[in-house]
Amino acid sequence: MPKRHQKQQQWTPGRLKQIKSILKSNRDRLPEQLDLQVELPQDHKNIRGPHNFH
């Protein structure tokens, strides 16, 4: 492995502290997904119906 890659993989105490903090506060998790089902109005004058498509 090249030396430049070895240097990037070093775990310093400050880096470990950051990782522990992230894990402890659950910042490594995705936010809860909200159910975003939106009903759009179907009676607007610009909305085409099935009769407009062949």
C-alpha atoms as a PDB file:
ATOM      1  CA  MET A   1       0.000   0.000   0.000  1.00  0.00           C
ATOM      2  CA  PRO A   2       1.413   3.449  -0.865  1.00  0.00           C
ATOM      3  CA  LYS A   3       2.522   5.605   2.064  1.00  0.00           C
ATOM      4  CA  ARG A   4      -0.063   8.292   1.235  1.00  0.00           C
ATOM      5  CA  HIS A   5      -2.834   5.717   1.797  1.00  0.00           C
ATOM      6  CA  GLN A   6      -1.290   4.449   5.022  1.00  0.00           C
ATOM      7  CA  LYS A   7      -1.221   7.993   6.419  1.00  0.00           C
ATOM      8  CA  GLN A   8      -4.939   8.457   5.691  1.00  0.00           C
ATOM      9  CA  GLN A   9      -5.790   5.308   7.649  1.00  0.00           C
ATOM     10  CA  GLN A  10      -4.086   6.380  10.874  1.00  0.00           C
ATOM     11  CA  TRP A  11      -6.457   6.643  13.833  1.00  0.00           C
ATOM     12  CA  THR A  12      -5.481   9.585  15.995  1.00  0.00           C
ATOM     13  CA  PRO A  13      -7.018  10.079  19.456  1.00  0.00           C
ATOM     14  CA  GLY A  14      -8.899  13.142  18.195  1.00  0.00           C
ATOM     15  CA  ARG A  15     -10.361  11.182  15.303  1.00  0.00           C
ATOM     16  CA  LEU A  16     -11.469   8.358  17.597  1.00  0.00           C
ATOM     17  CA  LYS A  17     -13.096  10.912  19.903  1.00  0.00           C
ATOM     18  CA  GLN A  18     -15.041  12.362  16.947  1.00  0.00           C
ATOM     19  CA  ILE A  19     -16.217   8.923  15.845  1.00  0.00           C
ATOM     20  CA  LYS A  20     -17.299   7.959  19.366  1.00  0.00           C
ATOM     21  CA  SER A  21     -19.225  11.232  19.646  1.00  0.00           C
ATOM     22  CA  ILE A  22     -20.981  10.613  16.313  1.00  0.00           C
ATOM     23  CA  LEU A  23     -21.943   7.079  17.323  1.00  0.00           C
ATOM     24  CA  LYS A  24     -23.065   8.117  20.817  1.00  0.00           C
ATOM     25  CA  SER A  25     -25.388  10.824  19.457  1.00  0.00           C
ATOM     26  CA  ASN A  26     -26.736   8.561  16.652  1.00  0.00           C
ATOM     27  CA  ARG A  27     -25.596  11.010  13.971  1.00  0.00           C
ATOM     28  CA  ASP A  28     -24.504   8.006  11.906  1.00  0.00           C
ATOM     29  CA  ARG A  29     -28.136   7.045  11.303  1.00  0.00           C
ATOM     30  CA  LEU A  30     -30.502   8.237   8.629  1.00  0.00           C
ATOM     31  CA  PRO A  31     -33.385  10.398   9.796  1.00  0.00           C
ATOM     32  CA  GLU A  32     -36.748   8.718  10.149  1.00  0.00           C
ATOM     33  CA  GLN A  33     -38.573   8.761   6.838  1.00  0.00           C
ATOM     34  CA  LEU A  34     -41.895  10.550   6.890  1.00  0.00           C
ATOM     35  CA  ASP A  35     -44.862   9.244   4.934  1.00  0.00           C
ATOM     36  CA  LEU A  36     -45.250  11.850   2.211  1.00  0.00           C
ATOM     37  CA  GLN A  37     -48.392  10.858   0.364  1.00  0.00           C
ATOM     38  CA  VAL A  38     -49.847  14.013  -1.053  1.00  0.00           C
ATOM     39  CA  GLU A  39     -53.200  14.088  -2.761  1.00  0.00           C
ATOM     40  CA  LEU A  40     -53.210  16.463  -5.681  1.00  0.00           C
ATOM     41  CA  PRO A  41     -56.382  18.251  -6.787  1.00  0.00           C
ATOM     42  CA  GLN A  42     -57.989  16.627  -9.828  1.00  0.00           C
ATOM     43  CA  ASP A  43     -60.442  19.395 -10.683  1.00  0.00           C
ATOM     44  CA  HIS A  44     -58.038  22.079 -11.883  1.00  0.00           C
ATOM     45  CA  LYS A  45     -58.662  23.461 -15.407  1.00  0.00           C
ATOM     46  CA  ASN A  46     -55.101  22.611 -16.547  1.00  0.00           C
ATOM     47  CA  ILE A  47     -55.307  18.931 -15.573  1.00  0.00           C
ATOM     48  CA  ARG A  48     -56.045  16.660 -18.530  1.00  0.00           C
ATOM     49  CA  GLY A  49     -58.139  13.565 -18.212  1.00  0.00           C
ATOM     50  CA  PRO A  50     -57.787  10.174 -19.935  1.00  0.00           C
ATOM     51  CA  HIS A  51     -59.772  11.480 -22.926  1.00  0.00           C
ATOM     52  CA  ASN A  52     -56.780  13.717 -23.866  1.00  0.00           C
ATOM     53  CA  PHE A  53     -54.431  10.769 -24.415  1.00  0.00           C
ATOM     54  CA  HIS A  54     -54.770   8.201 -27.201  1.00  0.00           C
END
